[in-house]
Amino acid sequence: MSPARTARVLALLLGAAACQGSAAGEATGSGVRPDLYACEGCEAVHERDPASLTWHARVAGPEEPGERLVVTGTVFAPDGVTPQAGVVIYLHQTNAEGLYAGGSDESEWSRRNGRLRAWVRTGADGRYRFDTIKPAPYPDRTMPAHIHLMVGEPGRRPYYIDDIVFAGEFLVDEAYRARQELRGGSGIVTLARSADGTLLARRDIVLERHGE
């Protein structure tokens, strides 16, 4: 995570700038957030050709240490009802030690985001799926365990949405819930388990409104 975004999320968690943060994230009368495209690193959404993507991607292979996690969901238009096809979702996260480790020299974001990153493109039903591991909080324990998501709609500039975090876990409390930006809907998910013990997280996404 960039220093700028780390500082922003720390403010969210600690409440140091709660009023300012709330005002910055509020939508205008047209329903458009004035800071929608204020997103360092969102250019990583474009590092893969959408035509090469499918609705399903593997983030972490079986050799990656950590507890298996499947993230699924449906992407909806701003009306919250209509499934949205052709939306690229970029995911990156920490490993089981809370680090963005093992990055490559492909780009600035492949170096900074580490090896646990992937892209999908929603199909006609708006669905997506990532097979990954459950991330750990940063070693300094300043933030909850989280998964970053950024979206790129066809013909639109990309933007970030609320991170996936896990209900009832470290620092995901009522104060966190109250201070969510609710970009793309809430990122707080309740984990379940499949019959084979894999963790399951559902994060539906409601796309943001655009001004242009």
N, C-alpha and C. Protein backbone atom coordinates (compact mmCIF):
# COMPACT_ATOMS: atom_id res chain seq x y z
N MET A 1 0.85 -1.19 0.00
CA MET A 1 0.00 0.00 0.00
C MET A 1 0.88 1.23 0.00
N SER A 2 0.51 2.27 -0.76
CA SER A 2 1.30 3.49 -0.80
C SER A 2 1.20 4.21 0.53
N PRO A 3 2.23 5.06 0.85
CA PRO A 3 2.15 5.84 2.09
C PRO A 3 0.91 6.71 2.16
N ALA A 4 0.51 7.28 1.02
CA ALA A 4 -0.67 8.15 1.04
C ALA A 4 -1.92 7.38 1.41
N ARG A 5 -2.08 6.19 0.81
CA ARG A 5 -3.30 5.44 1.11
C ARG A 5 -3.24 4.85 2.51
N THR A 6 -2.03 4.46 2.97
CA THR A 6 -1.91 3.96 4.34
C THR A 6 -2.34 5.02 5.33
N ALA A 7 -1.89 6.26 5.10
CA ALA A 7 -2.27 7.34 6.00
C ALA A 7 -3.77 7.56 5.99
N ARG A 8 -4.37 7.45 4.82
CA ARG A 8 -5.83 7.67 4.73
C ARG A 8 -6.59 6.61 5.50
N VAL A 9 -6.17 5.36 5.36
CA VAL A 9 -6.89 4.30 6.05
C VAL A 9 -6.64 4.35 7.54
N LEU A 10 -5.43 4.74 7.96
CA LEU A 10 -5.17 4.90 9.39
C LEU A 10 -6.08 5.97 9.99
N ALA A 11 -6.28 7.04 9.23
CA ALA A 11 -7.20 8.06 9.72
C ALA A 11 -8.61 7.52 9.87
N LEU A 12 -9.00 6.68 8.92
CA LEU A 12 -10.31 6.04 8.99
C LEU A 12 -10.45 5.22 10.26
N LEU A 13 -9.41 4.44 10.58
CA LEU A 13 -9.47 3.53 11.72
C LEU A 13 -9.37 4.28 13.04
N LEU A 14 -8.51 5.26 13.11
CA LEU A 14 -8.23 5.93 14.37
C LEU A 14 -9.15 7.11 14.64
N GLY A 15 -9.84 7.55 13.58
CA GLY A 15 -10.76 8.66 13.77
C GLY A 15 -10.09 10.01 13.86
N ALA A 16 -8.84 10.09 13.47
CA ALA A 16 -8.10 11.33 13.61
C ALA A 16 -8.65 12.42 12.70
N ALA A 17 -9.24 11.99 11.59
CA ALA A 17 -9.80 12.98 10.68
C ALA A 17 -11.17 12.52 10.21
N ALA A 18 -11.99 12.10 11.14
CA ALA A 18 -13.27 11.49 10.78
C ALA A 18 -14.17 12.46 10.02
N CYS A 19 -14.26 13.67 10.50
CA CYS A 19 -15.16 14.61 9.84
C CYS A 19 -14.68 14.95 8.45
N GLN A 20 -13.39 15.23 8.31
CA GLN A 20 -12.85 15.57 7.01
C GLN A 20 -12.99 14.41 6.05
N GLY A 21 -12.68 13.20 6.51
CA GLY A 21 -12.76 12.03 5.65
C GLY A 21 -14.18 11.79 5.18
N SER A 22 -15.15 11.99 6.09
CA SER A 22 -16.54 11.78 5.71
C SER A 22 -16.97 12.75 4.63
N ALA A 23 -16.58 14.02 4.80
CA ALA A 23 -16.97 15.02 3.81
C ALA A 23 -16.35 14.72 2.46
N ALA A 24 -15.08 14.25 2.46
CA ALA A 24 -14.39 13.98 1.20
C ALA A 24 -15.04 12.84 0.46
N GLY A 25 -15.58 11.86 1.19
CA GLY A 25 -16.12 10.68 0.54
C GLY A 25 -17.57 10.80 0.15
N GLU A 26 -18.26 11.84 0.59
CA GLU A 26 -19.68 11.95 0.31
C GLU A 26 -19.93 12.27 -1.16
N ALA A 27 -21.01 11.74 -1.68
CA ALA A 27 -21.38 12.01 -3.06
C ALA A 27 -22.01 13.39 -3.16
N THR A 28 -21.95 13.95 -4.36
CA THR A 28 -22.61 15.22 -4.62
C THR A 28 -24.09 14.96 -4.85
N GLY A 29 -24.83 16.03 -5.15
CA GLY A 29 -26.25 15.87 -5.40
C GLY A 29 -26.54 14.96 -6.58
N SER A 30 -25.58 14.83 -7.50
CA SER A 30 -25.75 13.95 -8.65
C SER A 30 -25.41 12.51 -8.32
N GLY A 31 -24.96 12.26 -7.09
CA GLY A 31 -24.58 10.91 -6.70
C GLY A 31 -23.16 10.54 -7.06
N VAL A 32 -22.35 11.52 -7.48
CA VAL A 32 -20.97 11.29 -7.89
C VAL A 32 -20.03 11.76 -6.78
N ARG A 33 -19.10 10.91 -6.40
CA ARG A 33 -18.11 11.31 -5.39
C ARG A 33 -17.11 12.27 -6.03
N PRO A 34 -16.83 13.40 -5.38
CA PRO A 34 -15.88 14.34 -5.96
C PRO A 34 -14.46 13.78 -6.02
N ASP A 35 -14.15 12.79 -5.18
CA ASP A 35 -12.81 12.21 -5.16
C ASP A 35 -12.79 10.80 -5.74
N LEU A 36 -13.74 10.47 -6.60
CA LEU A 36 -13.88 9.11 -7.10
C LEU A 36 -12.59 8.59 -7.72
N TYR A 37 -11.90 9.43 -8.49
CA TYR A 37 -10.73 8.96 -9.23
C TYR A 37 -9.42 9.26 -8.50
N ALA A 38 -9.50 9.71 -7.26
CA ALA A 38 -8.28 9.94 -6.47
C ALA A 38 -7.77 8.59 -6.00
N CYS A 39 -6.95 7.97 -6.80
CA CYS A 39 -6.59 6.57 -6.56
C CYS A 39 -5.18 6.30 -7.02
N GLU A 40 -4.24 6.32 -6.12
CA GLU A 40 -2.87 5.96 -6.46
C GLU A 40 -2.79 4.46 -6.70
N GLY A 41 -2.28 4.08 -7.84
CA GLY A 41 -2.11 2.67 -8.14
C GLY A 41 -3.22 2.06 -8.97
N CYS A 42 -4.29 2.81 -9.23
CA CYS A 42 -5.40 2.24 -10.00
C CYS A 42 -5.02 1.93 -11.44
N GLU A 43 -3.90 2.51 -11.91
CA GLU A 43 -3.47 2.19 -13.26
C GLU A 43 -3.12 0.71 -13.42
N ALA A 44 -2.90 0.02 -12.30
CA ALA A 44 -2.63 -1.42 -12.36
C ALA A 44 -3.81 -2.20 -12.95
N VAL A 45 -5.01 -1.62 -12.88
CA VAL A 45 -6.17 -2.27 -13.50
C VAL A 45 -5.91 -2.55 -14.97
N HIS A 46 -5.14 -1.66 -15.62
CA HIS A 46 -4.94 -1.75 -17.07
C HIS A 46 -3.72 -2.59 -17.46
N GLU A 47 -3.10 -3.26 -16.51
CA GLU A 47 -1.90 -4.03 -16.83
C GLU A 47 -2.20 -5.36 -17.54
N ARG A 48 -3.46 -5.70 -17.67
CA ARG A 48 -3.85 -6.88 -18.42
C ARG A 48 -4.90 -6.49 -19.46
N ASP A 49 -4.84 -7.12 -20.63
CA ASP A 49 -5.82 -6.90 -21.68
C ASP A 49 -7.15 -7.51 -21.24
N PRO A 50 -8.22 -6.73 -21.15
CA PRO A 50 -9.50 -7.30 -20.73
C PRO A 50 -9.93 -8.51 -21.55
N ALA A 51 -9.57 -8.53 -22.83
CA ALA A 51 -9.97 -9.66 -23.68
C ALA A 51 -9.31 -10.96 -23.25
N SER A 52 -8.21 -10.87 -22.49
CA SER A 52 -7.51 -12.07 -22.05
C SER A 52 -8.04 -12.60 -20.72
N LEU A 53 -8.96 -11.89 -20.11
CA LEU A 53 -9.41 -12.23 -18.76
C LEU A 53 -10.72 -13.01 -18.78
N THR A 54 -10.93 -13.80 -17.73
CA THR A 54 -12.21 -14.47 -17.51
C THR A 54 -12.75 -14.04 -16.15
N TRP A 55 -13.87 -14.60 -15.77
CA TRP A 55 -14.52 -14.21 -14.51
C TRP A 55 -13.85 -14.82 -13.29
N HIS A 56 -12.89 -15.72 -13.49
CA HIS A 56 -12.29 -16.49 -12.39
C HIS A 56 -10.77 -16.41 -12.50
N ALA A 57 -10.09 -16.14 -11.39
CA ALA A 57 -8.62 -16.10 -11.40
C ALA A 57 -8.07 -16.70 -10.11
N ARG A 58 -6.90 -17.29 -10.23
CA ARG A 58 -6.19 -17.81 -9.06
C ARG A 58 -5.15 -16.78 -8.63
N VAL A 59 -5.24 -16.35 -7.41
CA VAL A 59 -4.28 -15.41 -6.84
C VAL A 59 -3.13 -16.17 -6.19
N ALA A 60 -3.46 -17.19 -5.41
CA ALA A 60 -2.48 -17.97 -4.66
C ALA A 60 -2.59 -19.43 -5.03
N GLY A 61 -1.49 -20.02 -5.45
CA GLY A 61 -1.47 -21.43 -5.78
C GLY A 61 -1.37 -22.29 -4.53
N PRO A 62 -1.42 -23.60 -4.69
CA PRO A 62 -1.39 -24.51 -3.54
C PRO A 62 -0.09 -24.44 -2.75
N GLU A 63 0.96 -23.93 -3.38
CA GLU A 63 2.25 -23.82 -2.68
C GLU A 63 2.33 -22.59 -1.78
N GLU A 64 1.38 -21.67 -1.90
CA GLU A 64 1.40 -20.45 -1.10
C GLU A 64 0.95 -20.74 0.32
N PRO A 65 1.78 -20.42 1.34
CA PRO A 65 1.37 -20.66 2.73
C PRO A 65 0.12 -19.84 3.08
N GLY A 66 -0.73 -20.41 3.91
CA GLY A 66 -1.91 -19.69 4.36
C GLY A 66 -3.18 -20.50 4.23
N GLU A 67 -4.23 -19.99 4.83
CA GLU A 67 -5.52 -20.66 4.81
C GLU A 67 -6.26 -20.33 3.52
N ARG A 68 -6.74 -21.36 2.83
CA ARG A 68 -7.40 -21.14 1.54
C ARG A 68 -8.65 -20.29 1.71
N LEU A 69 -8.85 -19.36 0.77
CA LEU A 69 -9.98 -18.45 0.78
C LEU A 69 -10.48 -18.26 -0.64
N VAL A 70 -11.79 -18.34 -0.82
CA VAL A 70 -12.42 -18.04 -2.11
C VAL A 70 -13.26 -16.78 -1.94
N VAL A 71 -12.98 -15.79 -2.77
CA VAL A 71 -13.73 -14.53 -2.77
C VAL A 71 -14.63 -14.53 -4.00
N THR A 72 -15.92 -14.38 -3.80
CA THR A 72 -16.87 -14.34 -4.90
C THR A 72 -17.79 -13.13 -4.74
N GLY A 73 -18.53 -12.86 -5.78
CA GLY A 73 -19.50 -11.79 -5.71
C GLY A 73 -20.09 -11.50 -7.07
N THR A 74 -21.01 -10.55 -7.08
CA THR A 74 -21.63 -10.07 -8.31
C THR A 74 -21.45 -8.57 -8.38
N VAL A 75 -21.11 -8.09 -9.55
CA VAL A 75 -20.97 -6.65 -9.78
C VAL A 75 -22.28 -6.14 -10.38
N PHE A 76 -22.83 -5.12 -9.73
CA PHE A 76 -24.09 -4.52 -10.17
C PHE A 76 -23.87 -3.10 -10.68
N ALA A 77 -24.75 -2.67 -11.57
CA ALA A 77 -24.80 -1.27 -11.99
C ALA A 77 -25.15 -0.39 -10.77
N PRO A 78 -25.01 0.93 -10.90
CA PRO A 78 -25.32 1.80 -9.76
C PRO A 78 -26.73 1.65 -9.21
N ASP A 79 -27.64 1.04 -9.98
CA ASP A 79 -28.99 0.82 -9.45
C ASP A 79 -29.02 -0.29 -8.41
N GLY A 80 -27.91 -1.03 -8.27
CA GLY A 80 -27.84 -2.10 -7.28
C GLY A 80 -28.60 -3.35 -7.64
N VAL A 81 -29.13 -3.42 -8.86
CA VAL A 81 -29.98 -4.53 -9.27
C VAL A 81 -29.46 -5.21 -10.54
N THR A 82 -28.99 -4.44 -11.50
CA THR A 82 -28.64 -4.95 -12.81
C THR A 82 -27.21 -5.49 -12.82
N PRO A 83 -27.01 -6.79 -13.07
CA PRO A 83 -25.64 -7.33 -13.16
C PRO A 83 -24.87 -6.63 -14.28
N GLN A 84 -23.61 -6.37 -14.02
CA GLN A 84 -22.80 -5.60 -14.95
C GLN A 84 -21.70 -6.48 -15.55
N ALA A 85 -21.73 -6.61 -16.85
CA ALA A 85 -20.73 -7.41 -17.56
C ALA A 85 -19.53 -6.56 -17.95
N GLY A 86 -18.39 -7.23 -18.18
CA GLY A 86 -17.21 -6.57 -18.73
C GLY A 86 -16.45 -5.68 -17.79
N VAL A 87 -16.68 -5.82 -16.49
CA VAL A 87 -15.97 -4.99 -15.51
C VAL A 87 -14.70 -5.73 -15.08
N VAL A 88 -13.57 -5.06 -15.17
CA VAL A 88 -12.30 -5.63 -14.71
C VAL A 88 -12.13 -5.33 -13.23
N ILE A 89 -11.80 -6.35 -12.47
CA ILE A 89 -11.50 -6.18 -11.05
C ILE A 89 -10.05 -6.59 -10.82
N TYR A 90 -9.29 -5.71 -10.21
CA TYR A 90 -7.90 -5.98 -9.86
C TYR A 90 -7.82 -6.17 -8.35
N LEU A 91 -7.23 -7.27 -7.93
CA LEU A 91 -7.09 -7.61 -6.51
C LEU A 91 -5.61 -7.69 -6.16
N HIS A 92 -5.24 -7.13 -5.00
CA HIS A 92 -3.92 -7.41 -4.44
C HIS A 92 -4.02 -7.42 -2.92
N GLN A 93 -3.13 -8.17 -2.29
CA GLN A 93 -3.24 -8.40 -0.86
C GLN A 93 -1.90 -8.80 -0.25
N THR A 94 -1.86 -8.80 1.06
CA THR A 94 -0.68 -9.31 1.77
C THR A 94 -0.71 -10.83 1.82
N ASN A 95 0.42 -11.38 2.21
CA ASN A 95 0.50 -12.84 2.37
C ASN A 95 0.14 -13.23 3.80
N ALA A 96 0.41 -14.46 4.17
CA ALA A 96 0.05 -14.96 5.50
C ALA A 96 0.90 -14.36 6.61
N GLU A 97 1.91 -13.58 6.25
CA GLU A 97 2.73 -12.87 7.23
C GLU A 97 2.42 -11.38 7.25
N GLY A 98 1.46 -10.96 6.47
CA GLY A 98 1.08 -9.55 6.43
C GLY A 98 1.97 -8.69 5.57
N LEU A 99 2.66 -9.31 4.59
CA LEU A 99 3.61 -8.58 3.76
C LEU A 99 3.20 -8.63 2.29
N TYR A 100 3.53 -7.57 1.56
CA TYR A 100 3.40 -7.56 0.10
C TYR A 100 4.73 -8.06 -0.46
N ALA A 101 4.89 -9.35 -0.48
CA ALA A 101 6.19 -9.95 -0.76
C ALA A 101 6.23 -10.59 -2.14
N GLY A 102 7.46 -10.78 -2.64
CA GLY A 102 7.67 -11.55 -3.85
C GLY A 102 7.24 -10.86 -5.12
N GLY A 103 7.25 -9.53 -5.14
CA GLY A 103 6.86 -8.81 -6.34
C GLY A 103 7.86 -9.01 -7.47
N SER A 104 7.43 -8.67 -8.67
CA SER A 104 8.28 -8.82 -9.86
C SER A 104 8.66 -7.45 -10.40
N ASP A 105 9.49 -7.45 -11.45
CA ASP A 105 9.93 -6.20 -12.06
C ASP A 105 9.05 -5.78 -13.23
N GLU A 106 7.89 -6.39 -13.37
CA GLU A 106 7.02 -6.06 -14.50
C GLU A 106 6.62 -4.59 -14.50
N SER A 107 6.30 -4.04 -13.35
CA SER A 107 5.83 -2.66 -13.25
C SER A 107 6.04 -2.17 -11.82
N GLU A 108 5.79 -0.88 -11.61
CA GLU A 108 5.87 -0.34 -10.25
C GLU A 108 4.91 -1.08 -9.33
N TRP A 109 3.71 -1.40 -9.84
CA TRP A 109 2.69 -1.99 -8.98
C TRP A 109 2.93 -3.48 -8.76
N SER A 110 3.59 -4.15 -9.70
CA SER A 110 3.95 -5.54 -9.45
C SER A 110 5.03 -5.62 -8.36
N ARG A 111 5.86 -4.62 -8.29
CA ARG A 111 6.87 -4.58 -7.22
C ARG A 111 6.24 -4.23 -5.88
N ARG A 112 5.40 -3.22 -5.86
CA ARG A 112 4.85 -2.73 -4.60
C ARG A 112 3.72 -3.60 -4.06
N ASN A 113 2.95 -4.19 -4.96
CA ASN A 113 1.79 -4.99 -4.53
C ASN A 113 2.14 -6.44 -4.23
N GLY A 114 3.33 -6.88 -4.60
CA GLY A 114 3.73 -8.25 -4.32
C GLY A 114 3.15 -9.26 -5.29
N ARG A 115 3.41 -10.52 -5.01
CA ARG A 115 3.01 -11.57 -5.96
C ARG A 115 1.53 -11.92 -5.87
N LEU A 116 0.87 -11.58 -4.76
CA LEU A 116 -0.53 -11.97 -4.60
C LEU A 116 -1.43 -10.90 -5.20
N ARG A 117 -1.59 -10.98 -6.50
CA ARG A 117 -2.44 -10.04 -7.24
C ARG A 117 -2.97 -10.76 -8.47
N ALA A 118 -4.14 -10.31 -8.95
CA ALA A 118 -4.76 -10.95 -10.11
C ALA A 118 -5.88 -10.07 -10.63
N TRP A 119 -6.36 -10.43 -11.83
CA TRP A 119 -7.42 -9.69 -12.51
C TRP A 119 -8.52 -10.64 -12.96
N VAL A 120 -9.75 -10.17 -12.96
CA VAL A 120 -10.86 -10.89 -13.58
C VAL A 120 -11.68 -9.91 -14.40
N ARG A 121 -12.54 -10.44 -15.26
CA ARG A 121 -13.50 -9.62 -15.99
C ARG A 121 -14.86 -10.29 -15.89
N THR A 122 -15.84 -9.57 -15.42
CA THR A 122 -17.16 -10.16 -15.18
C THR A 122 -17.83 -10.57 -16.48
N GLY A 123 -18.58 -11.68 -16.39
CA GLY A 123 -19.35 -12.15 -17.53
C GLY A 123 -20.73 -11.52 -17.57
N ALA A 124 -21.60 -12.08 -18.37
CA ALA A 124 -22.94 -11.51 -18.55
C ALA A 124 -23.74 -11.47 -17.26
N ASP A 125 -23.44 -12.41 -16.34
CA ASP A 125 -24.16 -12.44 -15.06
C ASP A 125 -23.53 -11.56 -14.00
N GLY A 126 -22.45 -10.86 -14.34
CA GLY A 126 -21.79 -9.95 -13.40
C GLY A 126 -20.95 -10.62 -12.34
N ARG A 127 -20.80 -11.94 -12.41
CA ARG A 127 -20.12 -12.66 -11.33
C ARG A 127 -18.60 -12.63 -11.50
N TYR A 128 -17.91 -12.81 -10.35
CA TYR A 128 -16.46 -12.95 -10.36
C TYR A 128 -16.04 -13.89 -9.23
N ARG A 129 -14.81 -14.39 -9.33
CA ARG A 129 -14.27 -15.27 -8.30
C ARG A 129 -12.74 -15.18 -8.29
N PHE A 130 -12.16 -15.10 -7.07
CA PHE A 130 -10.72 -15.18 -6.87
C PHE A 130 -10.44 -16.32 -5.90
N ASP A 131 -9.51 -17.20 -6.25
CA ASP A 131 -9.03 -18.23 -5.34
C ASP A 131 -7.72 -17.75 -4.74
N THR A 132 -7.67 -17.62 -3.43
CA THR A 132 -6.53 -16.99 -2.80
C THR A 132 -6.29 -17.59 -1.41
N ILE A 133 -5.61 -16.84 -0.55
CA ILE A 133 -5.45 -17.19 0.85
C ILE A 133 -5.96 -16.03 1.70
N LYS A 134 -6.21 -16.32 2.96
CA LYS A 134 -6.62 -15.25 3.87
C LYS A 134 -5.39 -14.42 4.23
N PRO A 135 -5.44 -13.11 4.00
CA PRO A 135 -4.29 -12.28 4.33
C PRO A 135 -4.16 -12.08 5.84
N ALA A 136 -2.98 -11.70 6.26
CA ALA A 136 -2.75 -11.35 7.66
C ALA A 136 -2.64 -9.84 7.80
N PRO A 137 -2.90 -9.30 8.98
CA PRO A 137 -2.67 -7.86 9.20
C PRO A 137 -1.19 -7.53 9.03
N TYR A 138 -0.89 -6.26 8.79
CA TYR A 138 0.50 -5.82 8.73
C TYR A 138 1.22 -6.20 10.03
N PRO A 139 2.51 -6.48 9.98
CA PRO A 139 3.23 -6.85 11.20
C PRO A 139 3.16 -5.81 12.31
N ASP A 140 3.02 -4.52 11.96
CA ASP A 140 2.92 -3.50 13.01
C ASP A 140 1.52 -3.37 13.59
N ARG A 141 0.58 -4.19 13.07
CA ARG A 141 -0.79 -4.28 13.61
C ARG A 141 -1.51 -2.93 13.61
N THR A 142 -1.29 -2.13 12.58
CA THR A 142 -1.95 -0.83 12.48
C THR A 142 -3.26 -0.90 11.72
N MET A 143 -3.51 -2.01 11.04
CA MET A 143 -4.72 -2.15 10.23
C MET A 143 -5.23 -3.57 10.32
N PRO A 144 -6.52 -3.76 10.06
CA PRO A 144 -7.02 -5.14 10.01
C PRO A 144 -6.52 -5.85 8.76
N ALA A 145 -6.61 -7.16 8.77
CA ALA A 145 -6.35 -7.92 7.54
C ALA A 145 -7.31 -7.44 6.47
N HIS A 146 -6.81 -7.25 5.26
CA HIS A 146 -7.66 -6.68 4.22
C HIS A 146 -7.20 -7.11 2.85
N ILE A 147 -8.11 -7.00 1.88
CA ILE A 147 -7.85 -7.28 0.48
C ILE A 147 -8.26 -6.05 -0.32
N HIS A 148 -7.35 -5.56 -1.14
CA HIS A 148 -7.63 -4.38 -1.96
C HIS A 148 -8.33 -4.77 -3.26
N LEU A 149 -9.32 -3.99 -3.65
CA LEU A 149 -10.02 -4.18 -4.91
C LEU A 149 -10.10 -2.85 -5.65
N MET A 150 -9.80 -2.89 -6.95
CA MET A 150 -9.97 -1.74 -7.82
C MET A 150 -10.75 -2.19 -9.04
N VAL A 151 -11.58 -1.31 -9.57
CA VAL A 151 -12.44 -1.70 -10.69
C VAL A 151 -12.21 -0.79 -11.89
N GLY A 152 -12.34 -1.39 -13.06
CA GLY A 152 -12.26 -0.65 -14.32
C GLY A 152 -13.46 -0.99 -15.17
N GLU A 153 -14.37 -0.05 -15.31
CA GLU A 153 -15.54 -0.24 -16.17
C GLU A 153 -15.17 0.12 -17.61
N PRO A 154 -15.78 -0.53 -18.58
CA PRO A 154 -15.47 -0.21 -19.97
C PRO A 154 -15.65 1.28 -20.27
N GLY A 155 -14.59 1.90 -20.81
CA GLY A 155 -14.66 3.30 -21.18
C GLY A 155 -14.60 4.28 -20.03
N ARG A 156 -14.31 3.80 -18.81
CA ARG A 156 -14.26 4.67 -17.63
C ARG A 156 -12.89 4.61 -16.97
N ARG A 157 -12.56 5.66 -16.23
CA ARG A 157 -11.33 5.64 -15.45
C ARG A 157 -11.51 4.69 -14.26
N PRO A 158 -10.46 3.98 -13.88
CA PRO A 158 -10.58 3.04 -12.76
C PRO A 158 -10.62 3.76 -11.41
N TYR A 159 -11.12 3.07 -10.42
CA TYR A 159 -11.19 3.62 -9.07
C TYR A 159 -11.16 2.48 -8.07
N TYR A 160 -10.82 2.80 -6.83
CA TYR A 160 -10.80 1.77 -5.79
C TYR A 160 -12.15 1.71 -5.10
N ILE A 161 -12.45 0.57 -4.52
CA ILE A 161 -13.63 0.41 -3.69
C ILE A 161 -13.19 -0.03 -2.31
N ASP A 162 -14.12 -0.06 -1.37
CA ASP A 162 -13.76 -0.42 0.00
C ASP A 162 -13.08 -1.79 0.05
N ASP A 163 -11.99 -1.86 0.81
CA ASP A 163 -11.28 -3.12 0.99
C ASP A 163 -12.20 -4.18 1.59
N ILE A 164 -11.91 -5.43 1.25
CA ILE A 164 -12.53 -6.54 1.96
C ILE A 164 -11.85 -6.68 3.31
N VAL A 165 -12.64 -6.67 4.37
CA VAL A 165 -12.16 -6.97 5.72
C VAL A 165 -13.13 -7.98 6.33
N PHE A 166 -12.75 -8.56 7.45
CA PHE A 166 -13.47 -9.71 7.97
C PHE A 166 -14.18 -9.38 9.28
N ALA A 167 -15.50 -9.50 9.26
CA ALA A 167 -16.34 -9.11 10.39
C ALA A 167 -15.90 -9.80 11.67
N GLY A 168 -15.82 -9.02 12.74
CA GLY A 168 -15.50 -9.56 14.05
C GLY A 168 -14.03 -9.81 14.31
N GLU A 169 -13.18 -9.56 13.31
CA GLU A 169 -11.75 -9.80 13.50
C GLU A 169 -11.03 -8.52 13.91
N PHE A 170 -9.74 -8.60 14.06
CA PHE A 170 -8.90 -7.52 14.58
C PHE A 170 -9.20 -6.18 13.92
N LEU A 171 -9.63 -5.21 14.73
CA LEU A 171 -9.92 -3.84 14.35
C LEU A 171 -11.17 -3.66 13.47
N VAL A 172 -11.87 -4.72 13.18
CA VAL A 172 -13.12 -4.59 12.41
C VAL A 172 -14.27 -4.57 13.41
N ASP A 173 -14.54 -3.39 13.92
CA ASP A 173 -15.51 -3.23 14.99
C ASP A 173 -16.57 -2.22 14.58
N GLU A 174 -17.38 -1.79 15.51
CA GLU A 174 -18.45 -0.85 15.18
C GLU A 174 -17.90 0.49 14.73
N ALA A 175 -16.76 0.89 15.29
CA ALA A 175 -16.15 2.16 14.86
C ALA A 175 -15.71 2.07 13.41
N TYR A 176 -15.13 0.96 13.03
CA TYR A 176 -14.74 0.77 11.64
C TYR A 176 -15.98 0.79 10.74
N ARG A 177 -17.01 0.06 11.16
CA ARG A 177 -18.23 0.00 10.36
C ARG A 177 -18.83 1.39 10.15
N ALA A 178 -18.79 2.21 11.18
CA ALA A 178 -19.39 3.54 11.10
C ALA A 178 -18.61 4.47 10.18
N ARG A 179 -17.32 4.20 10.00
CA ARG A 179 -16.47 5.10 9.22
C ARG A 179 -16.21 4.60 7.80
N GLN A 180 -16.89 3.57 7.37
CA GLN A 180 -16.70 3.10 6.00
C GLN A 180 -17.03 4.19 4.98
N GLU A 181 -16.29 4.20 3.89
CA GLU A 181 -16.65 5.08 2.79
C GLU A 181 -17.79 4.51 1.96
N LEU A 182 -17.97 3.20 2.00
CA LEU A 182 -19.01 2.50 1.24
C LEU A 182 -18.85 2.71 -0.26
N ARG A 183 -17.61 2.75 -0.70
CA ARG A 183 -17.33 2.77 -2.13
C ARG A 183 -17.59 1.37 -2.69
N GLY A 184 -18.50 1.29 -3.61
CA GLY A 184 -18.84 -0.02 -4.15
C GLY A 184 -19.62 -0.87 -3.17
N GLY A 185 -20.18 -0.26 -2.13
CA GLY A 185 -20.85 -1.01 -1.08
C GLY A 185 -19.89 -1.35 0.04
N SER A 186 -20.39 -1.97 1.08
CA SER A 186 -19.57 -2.32 2.23
C SER A 186 -18.59 -3.42 1.88
N GLY A 187 -17.36 -3.28 2.40
CA GLY A 187 -16.35 -4.32 2.23
C GLY A 187 -16.27 -5.29 3.38
N ILE A 188 -17.08 -5.11 4.40
CA ILE A 188 -17.06 -6.02 5.55
C ILE A 188 -17.79 -7.30 5.18
N VAL A 189 -17.09 -8.42 5.26
CA VAL A 189 -17.69 -9.71 4.89
C VAL A 189 -17.67 -10.63 6.10
N THR A 190 -18.66 -11.52 6.14
CA THR A 190 -18.73 -12.56 7.16
C THR A 190 -18.26 -13.87 6.52
N LEU A 191 -17.22 -14.44 7.08
CA LEU A 191 -16.64 -15.65 6.51
C LEU A 191 -17.51 -16.87 6.81
N ALA A 192 -17.57 -17.75 5.83
CA ALA A 192 -18.19 -19.07 6.00
C ALA A 192 -17.16 -20.10 5.58
N ARG A 193 -17.54 -21.39 5.69
CA ARG A 193 -16.64 -22.46 5.27
C ARG A 193 -17.38 -23.44 4.37
N SER A 194 -16.67 -23.90 3.36
CA SER A 194 -17.21 -24.94 2.49
C SER A 194 -17.04 -26.30 3.18
N ALA A 195 -17.57 -27.33 2.56
CA ALA A 195 -17.49 -28.67 3.14
C ALA A 195 -16.05 -29.14 3.31
N ASP A 196 -15.15 -28.66 2.45
CA ASP A 196 -13.75 -29.08 2.57
C ASP A 196 -12.92 -28.16 3.45
N GLY A 197 -13.57 -27.21 4.11
CA GLY A 197 -12.87 -26.33 5.04
C GLY A 197 -12.37 -25.03 4.47
N THR A 198 -12.54 -24.81 3.16
CA THR A 198 -12.11 -23.56 2.54
C THR A 198 -12.94 -22.39 3.04
N LEU A 199 -12.29 -21.29 3.36
CA LEU A 199 -13.01 -20.09 3.77
C LEU A 199 -13.70 -19.47 2.55
N LEU A 200 -14.90 -18.93 2.78
CA LEU A 200 -15.69 -18.33 1.71
C LEU A 200 -16.06 -16.91 2.10
N ALA A 201 -15.83 -15.98 1.18
CA ALA A 201 -16.18 -14.58 1.40
C ALA A 201 -16.96 -14.07 0.19
N ARG A 202 -18.10 -13.46 0.43
CA ARG A 202 -18.89 -12.89 -0.66
C ARG A 202 -18.84 -11.37 -0.55
N ARG A 203 -18.34 -10.73 -1.62
CA ARG A 203 -18.25 -9.27 -1.66
C ARG A 203 -18.93 -8.80 -2.95
N ASP A 204 -20.23 -8.50 -2.86
CA ASP A 204 -20.92 -7.91 -4.00
C ASP A 204 -20.47 -6.46 -4.15
N ILE A 205 -20.51 -5.98 -5.38
CA ILE A 205 -20.02 -4.64 -5.70
C ILE A 205 -21.12 -3.87 -6.43
N VAL A 206 -21.41 -2.68 -5.94
CA VAL A 206 -22.33 -1.77 -6.65
C VAL A 206 -21.46 -0.65 -7.23
N LEU A 207 -21.43 -0.55 -8.53
CA LEU A 207 -20.56 0.41 -9.18
C LEU A 207 -20.93 1.85 -8.82
N GLU A 208 -19.93 2.69 -8.79
CA GLU A 208 -20.13 4.09 -8.47
C GLU A 208 -20.68 4.86 -9.68
N ARG A 209 -21.33 5.95 -9.40
CA ARG A 209 -21.82 6.82 -10.47
C ARG A 209 -20.68 7.70 -10.98
N HIS A 210 -20.74 8.04 -12.26
CA HIS A 210 -19.72 8.87 -12.89
C HIS A 210 -20.34 10.18 -13.34
N GLY A 211 -19.49 11.20 -13.35
CA GLY A 211 -20.00 12.53 -13.70
C GLY A 211 -19.98 12.82 -15.17
N GLU A 212 -19.17 12.08 -15.93
CA GLU A 212 -19.08 12.39 -17.36
C GLU A 212 -19.79 11.35 -18.19
